Amino acid sequence: MPQANSMSDVKKLRLVISKVDSQLFSGDAISVTVPGSEGVMTILAHHAPLISMLREGTIRVVTPDTERTFEIQKGVLEINSNKVTILV
């Protein structure tokens, strides 16, 4: 199996994290880890479609350049067509 030779070869997904009144994050991510209602889950590129409630905890976003975290009280996550939308 071929291995990624650079960060440009890494598979990415499109991620948007929003509150009612502001956008917290919008861009490409390598992975996003969320506190799902059934437990912590990590989403990678080309994940199957999914809708899940989120509980209190930390969202961890890994991008090609950095890693960021967001503390949330609750929310909802939707995955569709390699795009992840999180409303908190």
Protein backbone atom coordinates (compact mmCIF):
# COMPACT_ATOMS: atom_id res chain seq x y z
CA MET A 1 0.00 0.00 0.00
CA PRO A 2 1.46 3.42 -0.94
CA GLN A 3 2.23 5.79 1.92
CA ALA A 4 1.68 9.54 1.98
CA ASN A 5 4.91 11.34 1.12
CA SER A 6 3.85 14.78 2.28
CA MET A 7 1.02 16.58 4.04
CA SER A 8 -0.50 17.38 0.63
CA ASP A 9 -1.04 13.61 0.15
CA VAL A 10 -3.02 13.27 3.39
CA LYS A 11 -6.76 12.79 2.90
CA LYS A 12 -8.81 15.69 4.25
CA LEU A 13 -12.41 16.50 4.99
CA ARG A 14 -14.23 19.83 4.99
CA LEU A 15 -15.19 20.92 8.53
CA VAL A 16 -17.47 23.67 9.79
CA ILE A 17 -18.09 24.26 13.51
CA SER A 18 -20.72 26.92 14.24
CA LYS A 19 -22.66 28.49 17.06
CA VAL A 20 -25.98 30.22 16.44
CA ASP A 21 -24.27 33.63 16.30
CA SER A 22 -20.71 32.82 15.11
CA GLN A 23 -18.49 30.42 13.21
CA LEU A 24 -15.78 28.78 15.35
CA PHE A 25 -13.95 26.91 12.57
CA SER A 26 -14.18 26.50 8.81
CA GLY A 27 -11.56 24.69 6.75
CA ASP A 28 -9.88 21.43 5.87
CA ALA A 29 -9.13 18.89 8.59
CA ILE A 30 -7.34 15.56 8.70
CA SER A 31 -9.52 14.35 11.59
CA VAL A 32 -12.09 15.58 14.07
CA THR A 33 -12.78 13.86 17.40
CA VAL A 34 -16.10 14.58 19.07
CA PRO A 35 -17.94 13.61 22.27
CA GLY A 36 -20.81 11.67 20.66
CA SER A 37 -23.93 10.72 22.58
CA GLU A 38 -22.78 7.06 22.53
CA GLY A 39 -19.10 7.83 23.21
CA VAL A 40 -16.08 9.59 21.75
CA MET A 41 -15.62 9.12 17.99
CA THR A 42 -13.01 10.22 15.48
CA ILE A 43 -14.06 11.13 11.95
CA LEU A 44 -11.64 10.80 9.03
CA ALA A 45 -12.01 11.71 5.35
CA HIS A 46 -14.76 9.95 3.39
CA HIS A 47 -16.63 8.77 6.51
CA ALA A 48 -20.07 7.27 5.89
CA PRO A 49 -23.03 9.65 6.24
CA LEU A 50 -24.05 10.11 9.87
CA ILE A 51 -26.08 12.35 12.16
CA SER A 52 -25.30 12.28 15.90
CA MET A 53 -26.09 14.27 19.00
CA LEU A 54 -23.05 15.54 20.91
CA ARG A 55 -22.70 15.72 24.67
CA GLU A 56 -20.56 17.97 26.86
CA GLY A 57 -16.87 17.59 26.15
CA THR A 58 -14.05 18.55 23.82
CA ILE A 59 -13.95 18.68 20.03
CA ARG A 60 -10.38 18.05 18.80
CA VAL A 61 -9.55 19.18 15.26
CA VAL A 62 -6.33 18.11 13.54
CA THR A 63 -5.47 20.16 10.44
CA PRO A 64 -2.41 19.91 8.19
CA ASP A 65 -0.87 22.81 10.15
CA THR A 66 -2.09 22.58 13.73
CA GLU A 67 -4.35 21.01 16.33
CA ARG A 68 -7.20 22.93 17.98
CA THR A 69 -9.73 22.12 20.67
CA PHE A 70 -13.20 23.50 21.41
CA GLU A 71 -15.10 22.91 24.66
CA ILE A 72 -18.82 22.35 24.11
CA GLN A 73 -21.91 21.80 26.26
CA LYS A 74 -23.93 19.95 23.60
CA GLY A 75 -24.52 19.94 19.87
CA VAL A 76 -25.31 18.02 16.74
CA LEU A 77 -23.01 16.62 14.06
CA GLU A 78 -23.77 15.79 10.43
CA ILE A 79 -21.45 14.00 8.01
CA ASN A 80 -22.32 13.98 4.31
CA SER A 81 -20.22 13.94 1.11
CA ASN A 82 -16.88 14.37 2.95
CA LYS A 83 -18.19 17.43 4.79
CA VAL A 84 -18.64 17.55 8.57
CA THR A 85 -20.95 20.18 10.02
CA ILE A 86 -21.12 20.66 13.79
CA LEU A 87 -23.64 22.98 15.43
CA VAL A 88 -23.01 23.78 19.10
